[in-house]
Amino acid sequence: MAEYDLQDVIKAARQQKIVYPGRKVQRDIRNLGYELKDLSDCLSRLRESDFRKTHCYPDSLPVDDYVVSYQKRSTADEECPVDDLYIKFCMIDGNLVIELVSFHLTQ
């Protein structure tokens, strides 16, 4: 069972309350060509069946991981592929903000 209530995650995602302070996650998101609106859309579509595991690390908040297939919204001149994504995050600020730890293609 996930540590964080999925409805809290979806609410924060829809409000674009998403941070990703780590350099690696920033690079991975940039390499995918994703913007905040894409992260928001993807995270707001998470389902319970996408949940994989909760990780507990010493001196850190629990982290939930999800595997999801997501297709960015296409533009008039570009058809976007479906990305199979590995997403790992925790909720901060009283479960009001999503802090992304990992966001990349599955391996």
PDB file of N, CA and C in Angstrom:
ATOM      1  N   MET A   1       0.840  -1.183   0.000  1.00  0.00           N
ATOM      2  CA  MET A   1       0.000   0.000   0.000  1.00  0.00           C
ATOM      3  C   MET A   1       0.886   1.249   0.000  1.00  0.00           C
ATOM      4  N   ALA A   2       0.507   2.221  -0.772  1.00  0.00           N
ATOM      5  CA  ALA A   2       1.282   3.452  -0.896  1.00  0.00           C
ATOM      6  C   ALA A   2       1.280   4.238   0.414  1.00  0.00           C
ATOM      7  N   GLU A   3       2.372   4.917   0.666  1.00  0.00           N
ATOM      8  CA  GLU A   3       2.492   5.768   1.854  1.00  0.00           C
ATOM      9  C   GLU A   3       1.589   6.991   1.740  1.00  0.00           C
ATOM     10  N   TYR A   4       1.508   7.551   0.544  1.00  0.00           N
ATOM     11  CA  TYR A   4       0.792   8.814   0.339  1.00  0.00           C
ATOM     12  C   TYR A   4      -0.550   8.567  -0.335  1.00  0.00           C
ATOM     13  N   ASP A   5      -1.566   9.227   0.169  1.00  0.00           N
ATOM     14  CA  ASP A   5      -2.917   9.105  -0.378  1.00  0.00           C
ATOM     15  C   ASP A   5      -2.921   9.616  -1.814  1.00  0.00           C
ATOM     16  N   LEU A   6      -3.388   8.790  -2.717  1.00  0.00           N
ATOM     17  CA  LEU A   6      -3.359   9.136  -4.136  1.00  0.00           C
ATOM     18  C   LEU A   6      -4.181  10.387  -4.433  1.00  0.00           C
ATOM     19  N   GLN A   7      -5.240  10.617  -3.701  1.00  0.00           N
ATOM     20  CA  GLN A   7      -6.044  11.823  -3.929  1.00  0.00           C
ATOM     21  C   GLN A   7      -5.264  13.085  -3.558  1.00  0.00           C
ATOM     22  N   ASP A   8      -4.413  13.016  -2.518  1.00  0.00           N
ATOM     23  CA  ASP A   8      -3.541  14.147  -2.175  1.00  0.00           C
ATOM     24  C   ASP A   8      -2.523  14.392  -3.279  1.00  0.00           C
ATOM     25  N   VAL A   9      -1.991  13.311  -3.832  1.00  0.00           N
ATOM     26  CA  VAL A   9      -1.016  13.415  -4.921  1.00  0.00           C
ATOM     27  C   VAL A   9      -1.666  14.062  -6.143  1.00  0.00           C
ATOM     28  N   ILE A  10      -2.834  13.586  -6.505  1.00  0.00           N
ATOM     29  CA  ILE A  10      -3.540  14.114  -7.680  1.00  0.00           C
ATOM     30  C   ILE A  10      -3.901  15.582  -7.486  1.00  0.00           C
ATOM     31  N   LYS A  11      -4.351  15.932  -6.293  1.00  0.00           N
ATOM     32  CA  LYS A  11      -4.705  17.330  -6.012  1.00  0.00           C
ATOM     33  C   LYS A  11      -3.481  18.235  -6.152  1.00  0.00           C
ATOM     34  N   ALA A  12      -2.356  17.829  -5.573  1.00  0.00           N
ATOM     35  CA  ALA A  12      -1.131  18.623  -5.685  1.00  0.00           C
ATOM     36  C   ALA A  12      -0.679  18.712  -7.142  1.00  0.00           C
ATOM     37  N   ALA A  13      -0.785  17.613  -7.873  1.00  0.00           N
ATOM     38  CA  ALA A  13      -0.376  17.603  -9.281  1.00  0.00           C
ATOM     39  C   ALA A  13      -1.220  18.565 -10.105  1.00  0.00           C
ATOM     40  N   ARG A  14      -2.521  18.534  -9.907  1.00  0.00           N
ATOM     41  CA  ARG A  14      -3.410  19.427 -10.671  1.00  0.00           C
ATOM     42  C   ARG A  14      -3.127  20.896 -10.379  1.00  0.00           C
ATOM     43  N   GLN A  15      -2.655  21.177  -9.167  1.00  0.00           N
ATOM     44  CA  GLN A  15      -2.319  22.552  -8.793  1.00  0.00           C
ATOM     45  C   GLN A  15      -0.872  22.898  -9.150  1.00  0.00           C
ATOM     46  N   GLN A  16      -0.195  21.979  -9.819  1.00  0.00           N
ATOM     47  CA  GLN A  16       1.206  22.117 -10.230  1.00  0.00           C
ATOM     48  C   GLN A  16       2.125  22.392  -9.046  1.00  0.00           C
ATOM     49  N   LYS A  17       1.812  21.793  -7.914  1.00  0.00           N
ATOM     50  CA  LYS A  17       2.662  21.908  -6.727  1.00  0.00           C
ATOM     51  C   LYS A  17       3.651  20.746  -6.758  1.00  0.00           C
ATOM     52  N   ILE A  18       4.647  20.906  -7.617  1.00  0.00           N
ATOM     53  CA  ILE A  18       5.630  19.861  -7.889  1.00  0.00           C
ATOM     54  C   ILE A  18       7.013  20.496  -7.863  1.00  0.00           C
ATOM     55  N   VAL A  19       7.918  19.904  -7.099  1.00  0.00           N
ATOM     56  CA  VAL A  19       9.308  20.360  -7.088  1.00  0.00           C
ATOM     57  C   VAL A  19      10.198  19.172  -7.424  1.00  0.00           C
ATOM     58  N   TYR A  20      11.360  19.475  -7.991  1.00  0.00           N
ATOM     59  CA  TYR A  20      12.329  18.422  -8.310  1.00  0.00           C
ATOM     60  C   TYR A  20      13.725  19.014  -8.166  1.00  0.00           C
ATOM     61  N   PRO A  21      14.193  19.070  -6.900  1.00  0.00           N
ATOM     62  CA  PRO A  21      15.443  19.765  -6.610  1.00  0.00           C
ATOM     63  C   PRO A  21      16.717  19.033  -7.034  1.00  0.00           C
ATOM     64  N   GLY A  22      16.676  17.738  -7.202  1.00  0.00           N
ATOM     65  CA  GLY A  22      17.890  16.995  -7.548  1.00  0.00           C
ATOM     66  C   GLY A  22      18.330  17.224  -8.982  1.00  0.00           C
ATOM     67  N   ARG A  23      19.647  17.297  -9.187  1.00  0.00           N
ATOM     68  CA  ARG A  23      20.173  17.534 -10.534  1.00  0.00           C
ATOM     69  C   ARG A  23      19.841  16.404 -11.503  1.00  0.00           C
ATOM     70  N   LYS A  24      19.905  15.165 -11.020  1.00  0.00           N
ATOM     71  CA  LYS A  24      19.635  14.030 -11.912  1.00  0.00           C
ATOM     72  C   LYS A  24      18.184  14.029 -12.377  1.00  0.00           C
ATOM     73  N   VAL A  25      17.250  14.239 -11.466  1.00  0.00           N
ATOM     74  CA  VAL A  25      15.839  14.251 -11.866  1.00  0.00           C
ATOM     75  C   VAL A  25      15.559  15.444 -12.785  1.00  0.00           C
ATOM     76  N   GLN A  26      16.208  16.576 -12.537  1.00  0.00           N
ATOM     77  CA  GLN A  26      16.054  17.731 -13.434  1.00  0.00           C
ATOM     78  C   GLN A  26      16.541  17.384 -14.837  1.00  0.00           C
ATOM     79  N   ARG A  27      17.700  16.736 -14.905  1.00  0.00           N
ATOM     80  CA  ARG A  27      18.265  16.350 -16.208  1.00  0.00           C
ATOM     81  C   ARG A  27      17.368  15.340 -16.918  1.00  0.00           C
ATOM     82  N   ASP A  28      16.876  14.346 -16.175  1.00  0.00           N
ATOM     83  CA  ASP A  28      16.017  13.324 -16.780  1.00  0.00           C
ATOM     84  C   ASP A  28      14.734  13.937 -17.343  1.00  0.00           C
ATOM     85  N   ILE A  29      14.133  14.849 -16.602  1.00  0.00           N
ATOM     86  CA  ILE A  29      12.908  15.518 -17.067  1.00  0.00           C
ATOM     87  C   ILE A  29      13.203  16.353 -18.311  1.00  0.00           C
ATOM     88  N   ARG A  30      14.305  17.072 -18.275  1.00  0.00           N
ATOM     89  CA  ARG A  30      14.697  17.897 -19.427  1.00  0.00           C
ATOM     90  C   ARG A  30      14.952  17.015 -20.652  1.00  0.00           C
ATOM     91  N   ASN A  31      15.636  15.873 -20.462  1.00  0.00           N
ATOM     92  CA  ASN A  31      15.933  14.967 -21.580  1.00  0.00           C
ATOM     93  C   ASN A  31      14.670  14.366 -22.191  1.00  0.00           C
ATOM     94  N   LEU A  32      13.632  14.197 -21.388  1.00  0.00           N
ATOM     95  CA  LEU A  32      12.349  13.713 -21.909  1.00  0.00           C
ATOM     96  C   LEU A  32      11.594  14.814 -22.659  1.00  0.00           C
ATOM     97  N   GLY A  33      12.027  16.058 -22.485  1.00  0.00           N
ATOM     98  CA  GLY A  33      11.327  17.178 -23.112  1.00  0.00           C
ATOM     99  C   GLY A  33      10.061  17.554 -22.366  1.00  0.00           C
ATOM    100  N   TYR A  34       9.982  17.192 -21.095  1.00  0.00           N
ATOM    101  CA  TYR A  34       8.794  17.481 -20.299  1.00  0.00           C
ATOM    102  C   TYR A  34       8.904  18.855 -19.649  1.00  0.00           C
ATOM    103  N   GLU A  35       7.761  19.496 -19.526  1.00  0.00           N
ATOM    104  CA  GLU A  35       7.639  20.765 -18.815  1.00  0.00           C
ATOM    105  C   GLU A  35       6.737  20.534 -17.611  1.00  0.00           C
ATOM    106  N   LEU A  36       6.578  21.558 -16.781  1.00  0.00           N
ATOM    107  CA  LEU A  36       5.756  21.430 -15.581  1.00  0.00           C
ATOM    108  C   LEU A  36       4.344  20.967 -15.922  1.00  0.00           C
ATOM    109  N   LYS A  37       3.782  21.473 -17.014  1.00  0.00           N
ATOM    110  CA  LYS A  37       2.416  21.073 -17.395  1.00  0.00           C
ATOM    111  C   LYS A  37       2.344  19.577 -17.716  1.00  0.00           C
ATOM    112  N   ASP A  38       3.419  19.020 -18.286  1.00  0.00           N
ATOM    113  CA  ASP A  38       3.461  17.586 -18.586  1.00  0.00           C
ATOM    114  C   ASP A  38       3.566  16.766 -17.302  1.00  0.00           C
ATOM    115  N   LEU A  39       4.403  17.219 -16.382  1.00  0.00           N
ATOM    116  CA  LEU A  39       4.525  16.536 -15.089  1.00  0.00           C
ATOM    117  C   LEU A  39       3.188  16.548 -14.367  1.00  0.00           C
ATOM    118  N   SER A  40       2.544  17.706 -14.367  1.00  0.00           N
ATOM    119  CA  SER A  40       1.246  17.857 -13.713  1.00  0.00           C
ATOM    120  C   SER A  40       0.220  16.907 -14.318  1.00  0.00           C
ATOM    121  N   ASP A  41       0.156  16.865 -15.634  1.00  0.00           N
ATOM    122  CA  ASP A  41      -0.805  16.001 -16.316  1.00  0.00           C
ATOM    123  C   ASP A  41      -0.514  14.528 -16.026  1.00  0.00           C
ATOM    124  N   CYS A  42       0.742  14.141 -16.118  1.00  0.00           N
ATOM    125  CA  CYS A  42       1.130  12.751 -15.877  1.00  0.00           C
ATOM    126  C   CYS A  42       0.802  12.326 -14.448  1.00  0.00           C
ATOM    127  N   LEU A  43       1.213  13.115 -13.470  1.00  0.00           N
ATOM    128  CA  LEU A  43       0.999  12.751 -12.069  1.00  0.00           C
ATOM    129  C   LEU A  43      -0.478  12.775 -11.690  1.00  0.00           C
ATOM    130  N   SER A  44      -1.246  13.634 -12.323  1.00  0.00           N
ATOM    131  CA  SER A  44      -2.676  13.693 -11.996  1.00  0.00           C
ATOM    132  C   SER A  44      -3.440  12.490 -12.564  1.00  0.00           C
ATOM    133  N   ARG A  45      -2.783  11.710 -13.426  1.00  0.00           N
ATOM    134  CA  ARG A  45      -3.414  10.518 -14.011  1.00  0.00           C
ATOM    135  C   ARG A  45      -2.991   9.213 -13.317  1.00  0.00           C
ATOM    136  N   LEU A  46      -2.184   9.313 -12.274  1.00  0.00           N
ATOM    137  CA  LEU A  46      -1.758   8.095 -11.575  1.00  0.00           C
ATOM    138  C   LEU A  46      -2.959   7.327 -11.053  1.00  0.00           C
ATOM    139  N   ARG A  47      -2.829   6.002 -11.086  1.00  0.00           N
ATOM    140  CA  ARG A  47      -3.877   5.116 -10.558  1.00  0.00           C
ATOM    141  C   ARG A  47      -3.251   4.204  -9.508  1.00  0.00           C
ATOM    142  N   GLU A  48      -4.092   3.662  -8.653  1.00  0.00           N
ATOM    143  CA  GLU A  48      -3.593   2.742  -7.626  1.00  0.00           C
ATOM    144  C   GLU A  48      -2.861   1.565  -8.250  1.00  0.00           C
ATOM    145  N   SER A  49      -3.313   1.116  -9.398  1.00  0.00           N
ATOM    146  CA  SER A  49      -2.681  -0.038 -10.054  1.00  0.00           C
ATOM    147  C   SER A  49      -1.276   0.283 -10.581  1.00  0.00           C
ATOM    148  N   ASP A  50      -0.912   1.573 -10.664  1.00  0.00           N
ATOM    149  CA  ASP A  50       0.429   1.971 -11.102  1.00  0.00           C
ATOM    150  C   ASP A  50       1.455   1.873  -9.977  1.00  0.00           C
ATOM    151  N   PHE A  51       0.979   1.805  -8.728  1.00  0.00           N
ATOM    152  CA  PHE A  51       1.866   1.766  -7.564  1.00  0.00           C
ATOM    153  C   PHE A  51       2.686   0.481  -7.549  1.00  0.00           C
ATOM    154  N   ARG A  52       3.975   0.615  -7.203  1.00  0.00           N
ATOM    155  CA  ARG A  52       4.848  -0.550  -7.123  1.00  0.00           C
ATOM    156  C   ARG A  52       5.348  -0.810  -5.708  1.00  0.00           C
ATOM    157  N   LYS A  53       5.884   0.216  -5.029  1.00  0.00           N
ATOM    158  CA  LYS A  53       6.549  -0.033  -3.757  1.00  0.00           C
ATOM    159  C   LYS A  53       6.775   1.274  -3.009  1.00  0.00           C
ATOM    160  N   THR A  54       6.817   1.179  -1.678  1.00  0.00           N
ATOM    161  CA  THR A  54       7.249   2.297  -0.841  1.00  0.00           C
ATOM    162  C   THR A  54       8.650   1.983  -0.340  1.00  0.00           C
ATOM    163  N   HIS A  55       9.539   2.957  -0.485  1.00  0.00           N
ATOM    164  CA  HIS A  55      10.913   2.818  -0.002  1.00  0.00           C
ATOM    165  C   HIS A  55      11.051   3.632   1.275  1.00  0.00           C
ATOM    166  N   CYS A  56      11.698   3.055   2.277  1.00  0.00           N
ATOM    167  CA  CYS A  56      11.978   3.767   3.521  1.00  0.00           C
ATOM    168  C   CYS A  56      13.493   3.833   3.687  1.00  0.00           C
ATOM    169  N   TYR A  57      14.021   5.052   3.696  1.00  0.00           N
ATOM    170  CA  TYR A  57      15.450   5.275   3.844  1.00  0.00           C
ATOM    171  C   TYR A  57      15.706   5.941   5.192  1.00  0.00           C
ATOM    172  N   PRO A  58      16.854   5.668   5.817  1.00  0.00           N
ATOM    173  CA  PRO A  58      17.158   6.322   7.094  1.00  0.00           C
ATOM    174  C   PRO A  58      17.191   7.845   6.937  1.00  0.00           C
ATOM    175  N   ASP A  59      16.676   8.531   7.935  1.00  0.00           N
ATOM    176  CA  ASP A  59      16.699  10.003   7.975  1.00  0.00           C
ATOM    177  C   ASP A  59      16.056  10.648   6.751  1.00  0.00           C
ATOM    178  N   SER A  60      15.016  10.040   6.233  1.00  0.00           N
ATOM    179  CA  SER A  60      14.352  10.567   5.043  1.00  0.00           C
ATOM    180  C   SER A  60      12.871  10.213   5.091  1.00  0.00           C
ATOM    181  N   LEU A  61      12.081  10.977   4.379  1.00  0.00           N
ATOM    182  CA  LEU A  61      10.663  10.655   4.256  1.00  0.00           C
ATOM    183  C   LEU A  61      10.485   9.393   3.418  1.00  0.00           C
ATOM    184  N   PRO A  62       9.421   8.628   3.650  1.00  0.00           N
ATOM    185  CA  PRO A  62       9.136   7.485   2.773  1.00  0.00           C
ATOM    186  C   PRO A  62       8.910   7.970   1.339  1.00  0.00           C
ATOM    187  N   VAL A  63       9.262   7.126   0.392  1.00  0.00           N
ATOM    188  CA  VAL A  63       9.164   7.461  -1.027  1.00  0.00           C
ATOM    189  C   VAL A  63       8.351   6.373  -1.723  1.00  0.00           C
ATOM    190  N   ASP A  64       7.318   6.779  -2.461  1.00  0.00           N
ATOM    191  CA  ASP A  64       6.497   5.844  -3.233  1.00  0.00           C
ATOM    192  C   ASP A  64       7.008   5.786  -4.662  1.00  0.00           C
ATOM    193  N   ASP A  65       6.992   4.584  -5.243  1.00  0.00           N
ATOM    194  CA  ASP A  65       7.329   4.529  -6.668  1.00  0.00           C
ATOM    195  C   ASP A  65       6.191   3.924  -7.474  1.00  0.00           C
ATOM    196  N   TYR A  66       6.063   4.461  -8.672  1.00  0.00           N
ATOM    197  CA  TYR A  66       5.007   4.102  -9.610  1.00  0.00           C
ATOM    198  C   TYR A  66       5.638   3.845 -10.971  1.00  0.00           C
ATOM    199  N   VAL A  67       5.029   2.959 -11.735  1.00  0.00           N
ATOM    200  CA  VAL A  67       5.391   2.747 -13.137  1.00  0.00           C
ATOM    201  C   VAL A  67       4.130   3.005 -13.945  1.00  0.00           C
ATOM    202  N   VAL A  68       4.242   3.891 -14.927  1.00  0.00           N
ATOM    203  CA  VAL A  68       3.061   4.341 -15.659  1.00  0.00           C
ATOM    204  C   VAL A  68       3.402   4.560 -17.132  1.00  0.00           C
ATOM    205  N   SER A  69       2.450   4.326 -17.997  1.00  0.00           N
ATOM    206  CA  SER A  69       2.578   4.689 -19.413  1.00  0.00           C
ATOM    207  C   SER A  69       1.891   6.030 -19.595  1.00  0.00           C
ATOM    208  N   TYR A  70       2.597   6.959 -20.229  1.00  0.00           N
ATOM    209  CA  TYR A  70       2.065   8.314 -20.386  1.00  0.00           C
ATOM    210  C   TYR A  70       2.425   8.853 -21.761  1.00  0.00           C
ATOM    211  N   GLN A  71       1.459   9.510 -22.383  1.00  0.00           N
ATOM    212  CA  GLN A  71       1.700  10.162 -23.667  1.00  0.00           C
ATOM    213  C   GLN A  71       1.457  11.652 -23.497  1.00  0.00           C
ATOM    214  N   LYS A  72       2.518  12.433 -23.746  1.00  0.00           N
ATOM    215  CA  LYS A  72       2.359  13.885 -23.696  1.00  0.00           C
ATOM    216  C   LYS A  72       1.299  14.305 -24.698  1.00  0.00           C
ATOM    217  N   ARG A  73       0.654  15.407 -24.411  1.00  0.00           N
ATOM    218  CA  ARG A  73      -0.337  15.928 -25.356  1.00  0.00           C
ATOM    219  C   ARG A  73       0.374  16.362 -26.633  1.00  0.00           C
ATOM    220  N   SER A  74      -0.120  15.871 -27.743  1.00  0.00           N
ATOM    221  CA  SER A  74       0.491  16.172 -29.033  1.00  0.00           C
ATOM    222  C   SER A  74       0.195  17.603 -29.444  1.00  0.00           C
ATOM    223  N   THR A  75       1.122  18.157 -30.201  1.00  0.00           N
ATOM    224  CA  THR A  75       0.893  19.468 -30.797  1.00  0.00           C
ATOM    225  C   THR A  75       0.426  19.251 -32.228  1.00  0.00           C
ATOM    226  N   ALA A  76       0.049  20.314 -32.880  1.00  0.00           N
ATOM    227  CA  ALA A  76      -0.483  20.211 -34.241  1.00  0.00           C
ATOM    228  C   ALA A  76       0.522  19.578 -35.202  1.00  0.00           C
ATOM    229  N   ASP A  77       1.817  19.818 -34.969  1.00  0.00           N
ATOM    230  CA  ASP A  77       2.828  19.318 -35.903  1.00  0.00           C
ATOM    231  C   ASP A  77       3.676  18.175 -35.338  1.00  0.00           C
ATOM    232  N   GLU A  78       3.293  17.657 -34.179  1.00  0.00           N
ATOM    233  CA  GLU A  78       4.107  16.606 -33.569  1.00  0.00           C
ATOM    234  C   GLU A  78       3.230  15.572 -32.861  1.00  0.00           C
ATOM    235  N   GLU A  79       3.430  14.308 -33.191  1.00  0.00           N
ATOM    236  CA  GLU A  79       2.767  13.209 -32.489  1.00  0.00           C
ATOM    237  C   GLU A  79       3.743  12.691 -31.441  1.00  0.00           C
ATOM    238  N   CYS A  80       3.342  12.679 -30.204  1.00  0.00           N
ATOM    239  CA  CYS A  80       4.221  12.274 -29.113  1.00  0.00           C
ATOM    240  C   CYS A  80       4.127  10.771 -28.862  1.00  0.00           C
ATOM    241  N   PRO A  81       5.266  10.142 -28.558  1.00  0.00           N
ATOM    242  CA  PRO A  81       5.252   8.707 -28.267  1.00  0.00           C
ATOM    243  C   PRO A  81       4.697   8.441 -26.865  1.00  0.00           C
ATOM    244  N   VAL A  82       4.348   7.200 -26.617  1.00  0.00           N
ATOM    245  CA  VAL A  82       3.963   6.787 -25.268  1.00  0.00           C
ATOM    246  C   VAL A  82       5.248   6.462 -24.516  1.00  0.00           C
ATOM    247  N   ASP A  83       5.431   7.087 -23.365  1.00  0.00           N
ATOM    248  CA  ASP A  83       6.603   6.842 -22.536  1.00  0.00           C
ATOM    249  C   ASP A  83       6.221   5.939 -21.371  1.00  0.00           C
ATOM    250  N   ASP A  84       7.012   4.895 -21.145  1.00  0.00           N
ATOM    251  CA  ASP A  84       6.854   4.057 -19.959  1.00  0.00           C
ATOM    252  C   ASP A  84       7.787   4.634 -18.899  1.00  0.00           C
ATOM    253  N   LEU A  85       7.191   5.198 -17.853  1.00  0.00           N
ATOM    254  CA  LEU A  85       7.938   5.991 -16.885  1.00  0.00           C
ATOM    255  C   LEU A  85       8.037   5.335 -15.516  1.00  0.00           C
ATOM    256  N   TYR A  86       9.181   5.520 -14.897  1.00  0.00           N
ATOM    257  CA  TYR A  86       9.403   5.163 -13.499  1.00  0.00           C
ATOM    258  C   TYR A  86       9.400   6.475 -12.726  1.00  0.00           C
ATOM    259  N   ILE A  87       8.506   6.581 -11.757  1.00  0.00           N
ATOM    260  CA  ILE A  87       8.334   7.823 -11.004  1.00  0.00           C
ATOM    261  C   ILE A  87       8.460   7.504  -9.521  1.00  0.00           C
ATOM    262  N   LYS A  88       9.301   8.269  -8.836  1.00  0.00           N
ATOM    263  CA  LYS A  88       9.483   8.082  -7.397  1.00  0.00           C
ATOM    264  C   LYS A  88       9.373   9.453  -6.741  1.00  0.00           C
ATOM    265  N   PHE A  89       8.555   9.537  -5.688  1.00  0.00           N
ATOM    266  CA  PHE A  89       8.334  10.839  -5.053  1.00  0.00           C
ATOM    267  C   PHE A  89       7.950  10.683  -3.593  1.00  0.00           C
ATOM    268  N   CYS A  90       8.048  11.811  -2.878  1.00  0.00           N
ATOM    269  CA  CYS A  90       7.486  11.916  -1.537  1.00  0.00           C
ATOM    270  C   CYS A  90       6.609  13.166  -1.523  1.00  0.00           C
ATOM    271  N   MET A  91       5.828  13.291  -0.486  1.00  0.00           N
ATOM    272  CA  MET A  91       4.981  14.472  -0.311  1.00  0.00           C
ATOM    273  C   MET A  91       5.577  15.300   0.823  1.00  0.00           C
ATOM    274  N   ILE A  92       5.688  16.607   0.606  1.00  0.00           N
ATOM    275  CA  ILE A  92       6.257  17.502   1.613  1.00  0.00           C
ATOM    276  C   ILE A  92       5.264  18.619   1.929  1.00  0.00           C
ATOM    277  N   ASP A  93       5.627  19.442   2.893  1.00  0.00           N
ATOM    278  CA  ASP A  93       4.787  20.571   3.311  1.00  0.00           C
ATOM    279  C   ASP A  93       3.375  20.117   3.667  1.00  0.00           C
ATOM    280  N   GLY A  94       3.292  19.128   4.549  1.00  0.00           N
ATOM    281  CA  GLY A  94       1.980  18.653   4.987  1.00  0.00           C
ATOM    282  C   GLY A  94       1.189  17.979   3.887  1.00  0.00           C
ATOM    283  N   ASN A  95       1.887  17.240   3.028  1.00  0.00           N
ATOM    284  CA  ASN A  95       1.265  16.526   1.897  1.00  0.00           C
ATOM    285  C   ASN A  95       0.614  17.461   0.887  1.00  0.00           C
ATOM    286  N   LEU A  96       1.142  18.677   0.770  1.00  0.00           N
ATOM    287  CA  LEU A  96       0.603  19.641  -0.191  1.00  0.00           C
ATOM    288  C   LEU A  96       1.453  19.759  -1.449  1.00  0.00           C
ATOM    289  N   VAL A  97       2.699  19.281  -1.399  1.00  0.00           N
ATOM    290  CA  VAL A  97       3.636  19.438  -2.509  1.00  0.00           C
ATOM    291  C   VAL A  97       4.289  18.088  -2.813  1.00  0.00           C
ATOM    292  N   ILE A  98       4.406  17.775  -4.103  1.00  0.00           N
ATOM    293  CA  ILE A  98       5.082  16.558  -4.556  1.00  0.00           C
ATOM    294  C   ILE A  98       6.554  16.890  -4.783  1.00  0.00           C
ATOM    295  N   GLU A  99       7.435  16.128  -4.152  1.00  0.00           N
ATOM    296  CA  GLU A  99       8.866  16.263  -4.425  1.00  0.00           C
ATOM    297  C   GLU A  99       9.309  15.039  -5.221  1.00  0.00           C
ATOM    298  N   LEU A 100       9.621  15.257  -6.485  1.00  0.00           N
ATOM    299  CA  LEU A 100      10.065  14.159  -7.346  1.00  0.00           C
ATOM    300  C   LEU A 100      11.497  13.773  -7.011  1.00  0.00           C
ATOM    301  N   VAL A 101      11.724  12.485  -6.868  1.00  0.00           N
ATOM    302  CA  VAL A 101      13.050  11.941  -6.611  1.00  0.00           C
ATOM    303  C   VAL A 101      13.591  11.298  -7.888  1.00  0.00           C
ATOM    304  N   SER A 102      12.722  10.612  -8.630  1.00  0.00           N
ATOM    305  CA  SER A 102      13.076  10.010  -9.922  1.00  0.00           C
ATOM    306  C   SER A 102      11.917  10.210 -10.893  1.00  0.00           C
ATOM    307  N   PHE A 103      12.259  10.443 -12.148  1.00  0.00           N
ATOM    308  CA  PHE A 103      11.257  10.580 -13.202  1.00  0.00           C
ATOM    309  C   PHE A 103      11.983  10.306 -14.512  1.00  0.00           C
ATOM    310  N   HIS A 104      11.935   9.049 -14.955  1.00  0.00           N
ATOM    311  CA  HIS A 104      12.669   8.674 -16.166  1.00  0.00           C
ATOM    312  C   HIS A 104      12.004   7.468 -16.822  1.00  0.00           C
ATOM    313  N   LEU A 105      12.469   7.134 -18.013  1.00  0.00           N
ATOM    314  CA  LEU A 105      11.967   5.952 -18.702  1.00  0.00           C
ATOM    315  C   LEU A 105      12.319   4.713 -17.892  1.00  0.00           C
ATOM    316  N   THR A 106      11.439   3.710 -17.926  1.00  0.00           N
ATOM    317  CA  THR A 106      11.737   2.460 -17.235  1.00  0.00           C
ATOM    318  C   THR A 106      12.938   1.804 -17.902  1.00  0.00           C
ATOM    319  N   GLN A 107      13.636   0.997 -17.142  1.00  0.00           N
ATOM    320  CA  GLN A 107      14.846   0.354 -17.677  1.00  0.00           C
ATOM    321  C   GLN A 107      14.685  -1.134 -17.718  1.00  0.00           C
TER     322      GLN A 107
END
